[in-house]
C-alpha atoms as a PDB file:
ATOM      1  CA  MET A   1      -0.073   0.121   0.004  1.00  0.00           C
ATOM      2  CA  LEU A   2       0.972   3.566  -0.585  1.00  0.00           C
ATOM      3  CA  ILE A   3       1.737   6.099   2.288  1.00  0.00           C
ATOM      4  CA  GLU A   4       1.786   9.698   1.163  1.00  0.00           C
ATOM      5  CA  ILE A   5       2.987  12.644   3.129  1.00  0.00           C
ATOM      6  CA  ILE A   6       1.607  16.167   2.536  1.00  0.00           C
ATOM      7  CA  SER A   7       4.416  18.359   3.453  1.00  0.00           C
ATOM      8  CA  ASP A   8       6.286  21.708   2.900  1.00  0.00           C
ATOM      9  CA  VAL A   9      10.141  21.629   2.667  1.00  0.00           C
ATOM     10  CA  ILE A  10      10.318  24.537   5.037  1.00  0.00           C
ATOM     11  CA  CYS A  11       8.220  22.962   7.784  1.00  0.00           C
ATOM     12  CA  PRO A  12      10.684  21.629  10.585  1.00  0.00           C
ATOM     13  CA  TRP A  13       8.115  19.256  11.778  1.00  0.00           C
ATOM     14  CA  CYS A  14       7.809  17.756   8.453  1.00  0.00           C
ATOM     15  CA  PHE A  15      11.691  17.060   8.599  1.00  0.00           C
ATOM     16  CA  ILE A  16      11.127  15.353  12.117  1.00  0.00           C
ATOM     17  CA  GLY A  17       7.983  13.608  10.966  1.00  0.00           C
ATOM     18  CA  LYS A  18      10.053  12.155   8.117  1.00  0.00           C
ATOM     19  CA  ARG A  19      12.386  10.505  10.839  1.00  0.00           C
ATOM     20  CA  HIS A  20       9.505   9.262  12.740  1.00  0.00           C
ATOM     21  CA  LEU A  21       8.119   7.587   9.609  1.00  0.00           C
ATOM     22  CA  GLU A  22      11.261   6.003   8.632  1.00  0.00           C
ATOM     23  CA  ALA A  23      11.445   4.457  12.029  1.00  0.00           C
ATOM     24  CA  ALA A  24       7.636   3.460  11.935  1.00  0.00           C
ATOM     25  CA  LEU A  25       8.106   1.867   8.594  1.00  0.00           C
ATOM     26  CA  LYS A  26      11.018  -0.308  10.243  1.00  0.00           C
ATOM     27  CA  LEU A  27       8.823  -1.369  12.932  1.00  0.00           C
ATOM     28  CA  LEU A  28       6.168  -2.259  10.430  1.00  0.00           C
ATOM     29  CA  ALA A  29       8.541  -4.227   8.279  1.00  0.00           C
ATOM     30  CA  GLU A  30       9.280  -6.375  11.402  1.00  0.00           C
ATOM     31  CA  ASP A  31       5.660  -7.322  11.289  1.00  0.00           C
ATOM     32  CA  GLY A  32       5.878  -8.232   7.616  1.00  0.00           C
ATOM     33  CA  LEU A  33       4.066  -5.019   6.584  1.00  0.00           C
ATOM     34  CA  HIS A  34       5.714  -3.138   3.635  1.00  0.00           C
ATOM     35  CA  PHE A  35       4.782   0.084   2.170  1.00  0.00           C
ATOM     36  CA  THR A  36       5.807   2.612  -0.531  1.00  0.00           C
ATOM     37  CA  THR A  37       6.178   6.202   0.124  1.00  0.00           C
ATOM     38  CA  GLY A  38       5.394   9.366  -1.721  1.00  0.00           C
ATOM     39  CA  TRP A  39       5.285  13.062  -1.236  1.00  0.00           C
ATOM     40  CA  ARG A  40       2.712  15.765  -1.944  1.00  0.00           C
ATOM     41  CA  PRO A  41       3.242  19.570  -1.936  1.00  0.00           C
ATOM     42  CA  TYR A  42       1.800  21.833   0.455  1.00  0.00           C
ATOM     43  CA  GLN A  43       2.638  25.638   0.787  1.00  0.00           C
ATOM     44  CA  LEU A  44       2.716  27.039   4.109  1.00  0.00           C
ATOM     45  CA  ASN A  45       3.056  30.560   2.634  1.00  0.00           C
ATOM     46  CA  PRO A  46       1.064  30.618  -0.634  1.00  0.00           C
ATOM     47  CA  GLU A  47       1.259  34.132  -0.930  1.00  0.00           C
ATOM     48  CA  MET A  48       5.166  34.462  -0.317  1.00  0.00           C
ATOM     49  CA  PRO A  49       6.735  36.590  -3.158  1.00  0.00           C
ATOM     50  CA  PRO A  50       8.890  34.596  -5.561  1.00  0.00           C
ATOM     51  CA  GLU A  51      12.203  35.999  -3.980  1.00  0.00           C
ATOM     52  CA  GLY A  52      11.152  35.082  -0.488  1.00  0.00           C
ATOM     53  CA  ILE A  53      11.456  37.396   2.504  1.00  0.00           C
ATOM     54  CA  SER A  54      14.033  37.980   5.349  1.00  0.00           C
ATOM     55  CA  ARG A  55      13.236  35.073   7.858  1.00  0.00           C
ATOM     56  CA  GLN A  56      13.653  37.343  10.891  1.00  0.00           C
ATOM     57  CA  MET A  57      11.169  39.841   9.457  1.00  0.00           C
ATOM     58  CA  TYR A  58       8.695  37.079   8.560  1.00  0.00           C
ATOM     59  CA  ARG A  59       9.131  35.431  12.011  1.00  0.00           C
ATOM     60  CA  THR A  60       8.891  38.610  13.965  1.00  0.00           C
ATOM     61  CA  ALA A  61       5.735  39.619  12.222  1.00  0.00           C
ATOM     62  CA  LYS A  62       4.077  36.207  12.577  1.00  0.00           C
ATOM     63  CA  PHE A  63       4.906  35.642  16.248  1.00  0.00           C
ATOM     64  CA  GLY A  64       4.980  39.122  17.500  1.00  0.00           C
ATOM     65  CA  SER A  65       8.686  39.452  18.463  1.00  0.00           C
ATOM     66  CA  LEU A  66      11.988  38.081  17.708  1.00  0.00           C
ATOM     67  CA  ALA A  67      12.465  36.654  21.129  1.00  0.00           C
ATOM     68  CA  ARG A  68       9.213  34.589  20.721  1.00  0.00           C
ATOM     69  CA  SER A  69      10.462  33.354  17.397  1.00  0.00           C
ATOM     70  CA  GLN A  70      13.603  32.178  18.789  1.00  0.00           C
ATOM     71  CA  GLU A  71      11.995  30.503  21.750  1.00  0.00           C
ATOM     72  CA  LEU A  72       9.878  28.560  19.282  1.00  0.00           C
ATOM     73  CA  ASP A  73      13.034  27.639  17.322  1.00  0.00           C
ATOM     74  CA  ALA A  74      14.786  26.400  20.435  1.00  0.00           C
ATOM     75  CA  ASN A  75      11.772  24.165  21.079  1.00  0.00           C
ATOM     76  CA  VAL A  76      11.816  22.718  17.559  1.00  0.00           C
ATOM     77  CA  ALA A  77      15.732  22.169  17.738  1.00  0.00           C
ATOM     78  CA  GLU A  78      15.306  20.223  20.855  1.00  0.00           C
ATOM     79  CA  SER A  79      12.729  17.904  19.374  1.00  0.00           C
ATOM     80  CA  GLY A  80      14.979  17.508  16.377  1.00  0.00           C
ATOM     81  CA  ARG A  81      17.942  16.546  18.492  1.00  0.00           C
ATOM     82  CA  VAL A  82      15.819  13.639  19.844  1.00  0.00           C
ATOM     83  CA  VAL A  83      15.678  12.030  16.509  1.00  0.00           C
ATOM     84  CA  GLY A  84      19.108  12.898  15.478  1.00  0.00           C
ATOM     85  CA  LEU A  85      18.599  16.325  13.484  1.00  0.00           C
ATOM     86  CA  GLU A  86      20.520  19.494  13.836  1.00  0.00           C
ATOM     87  CA  PHE A  87      18.464  22.539  13.155  1.00  0.00           C
ATOM     88  CA  ARG A  88      20.726  25.515  12.623  1.00  0.00           C
ATOM     89  CA  PHE A  89      18.027  28.424  12.538  1.00  0.00           C
ATOM     90  CA  ASP A  90      20.926  30.847  12.949  1.00  0.00           C
ATOM     91  CA  ARG A  91      22.036  30.000   9.330  1.00  0.00           C
ATOM     92  CA  MET A  92      18.637  30.684   7.945  1.00  0.00           C
ATOM     93  CA  GLU A  93      18.399  34.121   6.400  1.00  0.00           C
ATOM     94  CA  VAL A  94      15.484  33.847   4.035  1.00  0.00           C
ATOM     95  CA  THR A  95      11.825  32.164   4.268  1.00  0.00           C
ATOM     96  CA  PRO A  96      11.461  31.257   0.564  1.00  0.00           C
ATOM     97  CA  ASN A  97       8.705  30.583  -1.714  1.00  0.00           C
ATOM     98  CA  THR A  98       8.619  26.708  -1.973  1.00  0.00           C
ATOM     99  CA  ILE A  99       6.934  26.287  -5.410  1.00  0.00           C
ATOM    100  CA  GLU A 100      10.189  25.594  -7.148  1.00  0.00           C
ATOM    101  CA  ALA A 101      11.328  23.178  -4.400  1.00  0.00           C
ATOM    102  CA  HIS A 102       8.104  21.222  -4.866  1.00  0.00           C
ATOM    103  CA  ARG A 103       8.579  21.247  -8.576  1.00  0.00           C
ATOM    104  CA  ALA A 104      12.212  19.847  -8.009  1.00  0.00           C
ATOM    105  CA  VAL A 105      10.631  17.093  -5.685  1.00  0.00           C
ATOM    106  CA  ARG A 106       8.175  16.143  -8.543  1.00  0.00           C
ATOM    107  CA  ILE A 107      10.635  16.074 -11.214  1.00  0.00           C
ATOM    108  CA  ALA A 108      12.971  13.861  -9.010  1.00  0.00           C
ATOM    109  CA  GLY A 109      10.119  11.426  -8.445  1.00  0.00           C
ATOM    110  CA  SER A 110      10.110  10.875 -12.155  1.00  0.00           C
ATOM    111  CA  VAL A 111      13.593   9.546 -12.240  1.00  0.00           C
ATOM    112  CA  GLY A 112      13.166   7.464  -8.892  1.00  0.00           C
ATOM    113  CA  LEU A 113      14.739  10.114  -6.786  1.00  0.00           C
ATOM    114  CA  GLU A 114      11.958  11.618  -4.780  1.00  0.00           C
ATOM    115  CA  ASP A 115      12.827  10.780  -1.405  1.00  0.00           C
ATOM    116  CA  ALA A 116      16.390  11.750  -1.917  1.00  0.00           C
ATOM    117  CA  MET A 117      15.353  15.198  -3.010  1.00  0.00           C
ATOM    118  CA  VAL A 118      13.120  15.607  -0.166  1.00  0.00           C
ATOM    119  CA  GLU A 119      15.841  14.702   2.131  1.00  0.00           C
ATOM    120  CA  ARG A 120      18.332  16.916   0.476  1.00  0.00           C
ATOM    121  CA  LEU A 121      16.174  20.003   0.492  1.00  0.00           C
ATOM    122  CA  PHE A 122      15.315  19.507   4.318  1.00  0.00           C
ATOM    123  CA  ALA A 123      19.057  19.189   5.142  1.00  0.00           C
ATOM    124  CA  ALA A 124      19.992  22.097   2.873  1.00  0.00           C
ATOM    125  CA  TYR A 125      17.436  24.440   4.418  1.00  0.00           C
ATOM    126  CA  PHE A 126      17.403  23.420   7.992  1.00  0.00           C
ATOM    127  CA  THR A 127      20.994  22.499   8.730  1.00  0.00           C
ATOM    128  CA  GLU A 128      22.843  24.341   6.144  1.00  0.00           C
ATOM    129  CA  GLY A 129      20.582  27.522   5.963  1.00  0.00           C
ATOM    130  CA  CYS A 130      20.480  27.368   2.118  1.00  0.00           C
ATOM    131  CA  ASN A 131      17.727  29.344   0.181  1.00  0.00           C
ATOM    132  CA  VAL A 132      15.791  26.561  -1.119  1.00  0.00           C
ATOM    133  CA  GLY A 133      13.746  28.997  -3.297  1.00  0.00           C
ATOM    134  CA  ASP A 134      16.652  29.789  -5.468  1.00  0.00           C
ATOM    135  CA  VAL A 135      16.684  27.863  -8.643  1.00  0.00           C
ATOM    136  CA  ALA A 136      20.435  27.861  -8.780  1.00  0.00           C
ATOM    137  CA  VAL A 137      20.559  26.247  -5.437  1.00  0.00           C
ATOM    138  CA  LEU A 138      18.068  23.776  -6.416  1.00  0.00           C
ATOM    139  CA  ALA A 139      20.087  22.766  -9.328  1.00  0.00           C
ATOM    140  CA  ARG A 140      23.243  22.209  -7.257  1.00  0.00           C
ATOM    141  CA  LEU A 141      21.206  20.050  -4.840  1.00  0.00           C
ATOM    142  CA  ALA A 142      19.592  18.094  -7.741  1.00  0.00           C
ATOM    143  CA  GLY A 143      23.299  17.243  -9.032  1.00  0.00           C
ATOM    144  CA  GLU A 144      24.464  16.213  -5.524  1.00  0.00           C
ATOM    145  CA  ILE A 145      21.673  13.475  -5.352  1.00  0.00           C
ATOM    146  CA  GLY A 146      22.558  12.432  -8.826  1.00  0.00           C
ATOM    147  CA  MET A 147      19.923  14.062 -10.832  1.00  0.00           C
ATOM    148  CA  ASP A 148      20.436  15.934 -14.064  1.00  0.00           C
ATOM    149  CA  PRO A 149      20.130  19.647 -13.237  1.00  0.00           C
ATOM    150  CA  LYS A 150      18.805  20.519 -16.596  1.00  0.00           C
ATOM    151  CA  LEU A 151      15.611  18.741 -15.767  1.00  0.00           C
ATOM    152  CA  LEU A 152      14.738  21.605 -13.522  1.00  0.00           C
ATOM    153  CA  LEU A 153      14.786  23.987 -16.596  1.00  0.00           C
ATOM    154  CA  GLY A 154      11.496  25.567 -17.704  1.00  0.00           C
ATOM    155  CA  VAL A 155       8.180  25.094 -15.824  1.00  0.00           C
ATOM    156  CA  SER A 156       7.598  21.529 -16.013  1.00  0.00           C
ATOM    157  CA  GLY A 157       5.551  20.118 -13.161  1.00  0.00           C
ATOM    158  CA  ARG A 158       4.727  23.824 -11.926  1.00  0.00           C
ATOM    159  CA  SER A 159       0.962  23.592 -12.592  1.00  0.00           C
ATOM    160  CA  ASP A 160       0.734  20.092 -10.940  1.00  0.00           C
ATOM    161  CA  VAL A 161       2.396  21.493  -7.734  1.00  0.00           C
ATOM    162  CA  ILE A 162      -0.118  24.419  -7.841  1.00  0.00           C
ATOM    163  CA  ALA A 163      -2.999  22.138  -8.321  1.00  0.00           C
ATOM    164  CA  SER A 164      -2.138  19.517  -5.700  1.00  0.00           C
ATOM    165  CA  ASP A 165      -1.662  22.413  -3.264  1.00  0.00           C
ATOM    166  CA  SER A 166      -4.843  23.964  -4.066  1.00  0.00           C
ATOM    167  CA  ALA A 167      -6.620  20.473  -3.832  1.00  0.00           C
ATOM    168  CA  ALA A 168      -5.269  20.077  -0.381  1.00  0.00           C
ATOM    169  CA  ARG A 169      -6.572  23.433   0.720  1.00  0.00           C
ATOM    170  CA  ALA A 170      -9.966  22.752  -0.898  1.00  0.00           C
ATOM    171  CA  ALA A 171     -10.232  19.536   1.188  1.00  0.00           C
ATOM    172  CA  GLY A 172      -9.848  21.558   4.272  1.00  0.00           C
ATOM    173  CA  LEU A 173      -6.197  20.590   4.951  1.00  0.00           C
ATOM    174  CA  ASN A 174      -4.409  23.197   7.099  1.00  0.00           C
ATOM    175  CA  GLY A 175      -1.660  21.296   8.882  1.00  0.00           C
ATOM    176  CA  VAL A 176       1.440  19.499   7.816  1.00  0.00           C
ATOM    177  CA  PRO A 177       2.844  16.960   7.987  1.00  0.00           C
ATOM    178  CA  SER A 178      -0.361  15.043   7.069  1.00  0.00           C
ATOM    179  CA  PHE A 179      -0.179  11.258   6.234  1.00  0.00           C
ATOM    180  CA  LEU A 180      -2.494   9.511   3.804  1.00  0.00           C
ATOM    181  CA  MET A 181      -2.756   5.745   2.926  1.00  0.00           C
ATOM    182  CA  GLN A 182      -4.330   4.786  -0.256  1.00  0.00           C
ATOM    183  CA  GLY A 183      -5.516   8.201  -0.487  1.00  0.00           C
ATOM    184  CA  TYR A 184      -7.323   8.315   2.858  1.00  0.00           C
ATOM    185  CA  LEU A 185      -6.308  10.893   5.280  1.00  0.00           C
ATOM    186  CA  LEU A 186      -5.108   9.289   8.492  1.00  0.00           C
ATOM    187  CA  PHE A 187      -3.737  11.963  10.815  1.00  0.00           C
ATOM    188  CA  SER A 188      -1.677  15.249  10.845  1.00  0.00           C
ATOM    189  CA  GLY A 189       1.539  15.931  12.978  1.00  0.00           C
ATOM    190  CA  ALA A 190       4.995  14.422  13.565  1.00  0.00           C
ATOM    191  CA  MET A 191       3.744  11.806  16.246  1.00  0.00           C
ATOM    192  CA  PRO A 192       6.263   9.388  17.636  1.00  0.00           C
ATOM    193  CA  ALA A 193       7.161   6.180  15.526  1.00  0.00           C
ATOM    194  CA  GLU A 194       5.364   3.764  17.706  1.00  0.00           C
ATOM    195  CA  GLN A 195       2.117   5.756  17.406  1.00  0.00           C
ATOM    196  CA  MET A 196       2.634   6.273  13.818  1.00  0.00           C
ATOM    197  CA  ALA A 197       3.107   2.491  13.321  1.00  0.00           C
ATOM    198  CA  ALA A 198       0.096   1.774  15.201  1.00  0.00           C
ATOM    199  CA  GLN A 199      -2.021   4.134  13.028  1.00  0.00           C
ATOM    200  CA  PHE A 200      -0.627   2.614   9.747  1.00  0.00           C
ATOM    201  CA  ARG A 201      -1.139  -0.903  11.160  1.00  0.00           C
ATOM    202  CA  ARG A 202      -4.906  -0.045  12.005  1.00  0.00           C
ATOM    203  CA  ALA A 203      -5.535   1.627   8.654  1.00  0.00           C
ATOM    204  CA  HIS A 204      -3.750  -1.310   6.651  1.00  0.00           C
ATOM    205  CA  SER A 205      -6.163  -3.652   8.486  1.00  0.00           C
ATOM    206  CA  ILE A 206      -9.165  -1.769   7.640  1.00  0.00           C
ATOM    207  CA  LEU A 207      -8.393  -1.305   4.149  1.00  0.00           C
ATOM    208  CA  GLN A 208      -7.541  -4.992   3.604  1.00  0.00           C
ATOM    209  CA  ALA A 209     -10.927  -5.827   5.216  1.00  0.00           C
ATOM    210  CA  ARG A 210     -12.803  -3.529   2.897  1.00  0.00           C
ATOM    211  CA  ALA A 211     -10.872  -4.952  -0.136  1.00  0.00           C
ATOM    212  CA  ALA A 212     -11.729  -8.486   0.804  1.00  0.00           C
END
Protein backbone atom coordinates (compact mmCIF):
# COMPACT_ATOMS: atom_id res chain seq x y z
CA MET A 1 0.00 0.00 0.00
CA LEU A 2 1.00 3.61 -0.55
CA ILE A 3 1.67 6.08 2.25
CA GLU A 4 1.78 9.69 1.08
CA ILE A 5 3.06 12.62 3.08
CA ILE A 6 1.71 16.09 2.47
CA SER A 7 4.42 18.50 3.52
CA ASP A 8 6.31 21.71 2.90
CA VAL A 9 10.09 21.74 2.66
CA ILE A 10 10.31 24.66 5.11
CA CYS A 11 8.24 22.92 7.80
CA PRO A 12 10.58 21.69 10.56
CA TRP A 13 7.96 19.28 11.86
CA CYS A 14 7.84 17.71 8.42
CA PHE A 15 11.57 16.94 8.68
CA ILE A 16 11.07 15.53 12.17
CA GLY A 17 8.01 13.63 10.91
CA LYS A 18 10.11 12.10 8.15
CA ARG A 19 12.45 10.62 10.74
CA HIS A 20 9.53 9.25 12.75
CA LEU A 21 8.05 7.81 9.55
CA GLU A 22 11.30 6.04 8.69
CA ALA A 23 11.40 4.49 12.15
CA ALA A 24 7.72 3.52 11.94
CA LEU A 25 8.26 1.79 8.60
CA LYS A 26 11.05 -0.28 10.13
CA LEU A 27 8.74 -1.35 12.95
CA LEU A 28 6.05 -2.32 10.46
CA ALA A 29 8.55 -4.24 8.33
CA GLU A 30 9.35 -6.36 11.38
CA ASP A 31 5.67 -7.39 11.30
CA GLY A 32 5.87 -8.20 7.61
CA LEU A 33 4.08 -5.01 6.52
CA HIS A 34 5.79 -3.10 3.73
CA PHE A 35 4.73 0.19 2.17
CA THR A 36 5.81 2.51 -0.59
CA THR A 37 5.94 6.24 0.10
CA GLY A 38 5.29 9.40 -1.86
CA TRP A 39 5.33 13.14 -1.22
CA ARG A 40 2.64 15.71 -1.97
CA PRO A 41 3.25 19.47 -1.98
CA TYR A 42 1.80 22.03 0.40
CA GLN A 43 2.74 25.69 0.75
CA LEU A 44 2.75 27.06 4.25
CA ASN A 45 3.01 30.52 2.71
CA PRO A 46 1.15 30.48 -0.63
CA GLU A 47 1.31 34.27 -0.90
CA MET A 48 5.08 34.42 -0.41
CA PRO A 49 6.78 36.51 -3.13
CA PRO A 50 8.98 34.51 -5.54
CA GLU A 51 12.18 35.88 -4.02
CA GLY A 52 11.08 35.12 -0.46
CA ILE A 53 11.55 37.51 2.46
CA SER A 54 13.87 37.98 5.41
CA ARG A 55 13.23 35.13 7.85
CA GLN A 56 13.79 37.38 10.84
CA MET A 57 11.26 39.89 9.50
CA TYR A 58 8.75 37.17 8.64
CA ARG A 59 9.01 35.38 11.98
CA THR A 60 8.87 38.58 14.01
CA ALA A 61 5.69 39.64 12.21
CA LYS A 62 4.16 36.18 12.59
CA PHE A 63 4.91 35.63 16.27
CA GLY A 64 4.97 39.18 17.57
CA SER A 65 8.62 39.40 18.51
CA LEU A 66 12.03 38.04 17.61
CA ALA A 67 12.37 36.64 21.14
CA ARG A 68 9.21 34.58 20.77
CA SER A 69 10.40 33.30 17.39
CA GLN A 70 13.73 32.25 18.89
CA GLU A 71 11.96 30.51 21.77
CA LEU A 72 9.90 28.46 19.30
CA ASP A 73 13.00 27.67 17.25
CA ALA A 74 14.73 26.37 20.38
CA ASN A 75 11.79 24.07 21.11
CA VAL A 76 11.88 22.67 17.58
CA ALA A 77 15.66 22.22 17.74
CA GLU A 78 15.30 20.16 20.92
CA SER A 79 12.67 17.93 19.28
CA GLY A 80 15.01 17.55 16.32
CA ARG A 81 17.90 16.45 18.49
CA VAL A 82 15.79 13.60 19.83
CA VAL A 83 15.64 12.08 16.34
CA GLY A 84 19.22 12.96 15.39
CA LEU A 85 18.59 16.18 13.48
CA GLU A 86 20.55 19.41 13.85
CA PHE A 87 18.48 22.51 13.18
CA ARG A 88 20.64 25.57 12.52
CA PHE A 89 18.13 28.39 12.54
CA ASP A 90 21.00 30.83 13.00
CA ARG A 91 22.11 30.09 9.42
CA MET A 92 18.69 30.67 7.85
CA GLU A 93 18.37 34.14 6.36
CA VAL A 94 15.42 33.76 3.98
CA THR A 95 11.95 32.30 4.26
CA PRO A 96 11.51 31.22 0.64
CA ASN A 97 8.66 30.65 -1.74
CA THR A 98 8.61 26.85 -2.07
CA ILE A 99 6.95 26.32 -5.46
CA GLU A 100 10.27 25.60 -7.20
CA ALA A 101 11.41 23.26 -4.42
CA HIS A 102 8.18 21.28 -4.70
CA ARG A 103 8.61 21.20 -8.45
CA ALA A 104 12.10 19.77 -7.96
CA VAL A 105 10.65 17.01 -5.76
CA ARG A 106 8.05 16.17 -8.39
CA ILE A 107 10.62 16.01 -11.18
CA ALA A 108 12.98 13.98 -8.99
CA GLY A 109 10.14 11.51 -8.51
CA SER A 110 9.99 10.95 -12.25
CA VAL A 111 13.54 9.57 -12.15
CA GLY A 112 13.22 7.61 -8.91
CA LEU A 113 14.87 10.20 -6.66
CA GLU A 114 11.88 11.72 -4.88
CA ASP A 115 12.80 10.75 -1.34
CA ALA A 116 16.44 11.68 -1.92
CA MET A 117 15.41 15.14 -3.07
CA VAL A 118 13.08 15.65 -0.12
CA GLU A 119 15.84 14.63 2.28
CA ARG A 120 18.38 16.89 0.57
CA LEU A 121 16.04 19.88 0.62
CA PHE A 122 15.29 19.48 4.31
CA ALA A 123 18.98 19.22 5.17
CA ALA A 124 19.91 22.12 2.90
CA TYR A 125 17.36 24.44 4.48
CA PHE A 126 17.39 23.43 8.13
CA THR A 127 21.02 22.44 8.65
CA GLU A 128 22.92 24.41 6.01
CA GLY A 129 20.70 27.48 5.86
CA CYS A 130 20.35 27.40 2.05
CA ASN A 131 17.68 29.37 0.23
CA VAL A 132 15.71 26.50 -1.29
CA GLY A 133 13.64 28.93 -3.32
CA ASP A 134 16.69 29.83 -5.41
CA VAL A 135 16.75 27.90 -8.70
CA ALA A 136 20.56 27.88 -8.74
CA VAL A 137 20.62 26.26 -5.29
CA LEU A 138 18.04 23.71 -6.42
CA ALA A 139 20.13 22.84 -9.47
CA ARG A 140 23.15 22.25 -7.25
CA LEU A 141 21.17 20.06 -4.88
CA ALA A 142 19.77 18.07 -7.80
CA GLY A 143 23.29 17.34 -9.01
CA GLU A 144 24.33 16.24 -5.53
CA ILE A 145 21.70 13.48 -5.47
CA GLY A 146 22.65 12.24 -8.94
CA MET A 147 19.91 14.01 -10.87
CA ASP A 148 20.51 15.95 -14.07
CA PRO A 149 20.07 19.64 -13.08
CA LYS A 150 18.86 20.38 -16.62
CA LEU A 151 15.63 18.58 -15.77
CA LEU A 152 14.73 21.58 -13.61
CA LEU A 153 14.85 24.00 -16.52
CA GLY A 154 11.55 25.45 -17.64
CA VAL A 155 8.24 25.17 -15.81
CA SER A 156 7.53 21.45 -16.10
CA GLY A 157 5.50 20.25 -13.11
CA ARG A 158 4.70 23.72 -11.81
CA SER A 159 1.00 23.55 -12.64
CA ASP A 160 0.79 20.10 -11.02
CA VAL A 161 2.34 21.43 -7.82
CA ILE A 162 -0.08 24.35 -7.67
CA ALA A 163 -3.06 22.10 -8.41
CA SER A 164 -2.07 19.58 -5.72
CA ASP A 165 -1.54 22.34 -3.17
CA SER A 166 -4.91 23.89 -4.04
CA ALA A 167 -6.66 20.52 -3.78
CA ALA A 168 -5.30 19.99 -0.27
CA ARG A 169 -6.59 23.40 0.81
CA ALA A 170 -9.97 22.80 -0.83
CA ALA A 171 -10.22 19.55 1.15
CA GLY A 172 -9.77 21.52 4.36
CA LEU A 173 -6.18 20.58 5.11
CA ASN A 174 -4.43 23.26 7.14
CA GLY A 175 -1.60 21.43 8.84
CA VAL A 176 1.48 19.48 7.83
CA PRO A 177 2.87 16.93 7.88
CA SER A 178 -0.28 14.99 7.04
CA PHE A 179 -0.26 11.30 6.23
CA LEU A 180 -2.47 9.37 3.84
CA MET A 181 -2.79 5.68 3.05
CA GLN A 182 -4.24 4.74 -0.33
CA GLY A 183 -5.56 8.30 -0.58
CA TYR A 184 -7.29 8.30 2.83
CA LEU A 185 -6.18 10.96 5.29
CA LEU A 186 -5.11 9.25 8.52
CA PHE A 187 -3.60 11.95 10.73
CA SER A 188 -1.60 15.16 10.85
CA GLY A 189 1.44 15.87 12.96
CA ALA A 190 4.88 14.43 13.65
CA MET A 191 3.76 11.85 16.18
CA PRO A 192 6.32 9.37 17.60
CA ALA A 193 7.22 6.34 15.50
CA GLU A 194 5.40 3.82 17.69
CA GLN A 195 2.16 5.78 17.47
CA MET A 196 2.60 6.23 13.73
CA ALA A 197 3.14 2.52 13.26
CA ALA A 198 -0.02 1.76 15.24
CA GLN A 199 -2.04 4.15 13.08
CA PHE A 200 -0.67 2.64 9.87
CA ARG A 201 -1.19 -0.91 11.11
CA ARG A 202 -4.83 -0.18 11.96
CA ALA A 203 -5.49 1.57 8.64
CA HIS A 204 -3.84 -1.27 6.74
CA SER A 205 -6.08 -3.78 8.47
CA ILE A 206 -9.24 -1.78 7.73
CA LEU A 207 -8.36 -1.27 4.08
CA GLN A 208 -7.51 -4.93 3.66
CA ALA A 209 -10.88 -5.91 5.17
CA ARG A 210 -12.69 -3.54 2.82
CA ALA A 211 -10.84 -4.94 -0.17
CA ALA A 212 -11.82 -8.46 0.82
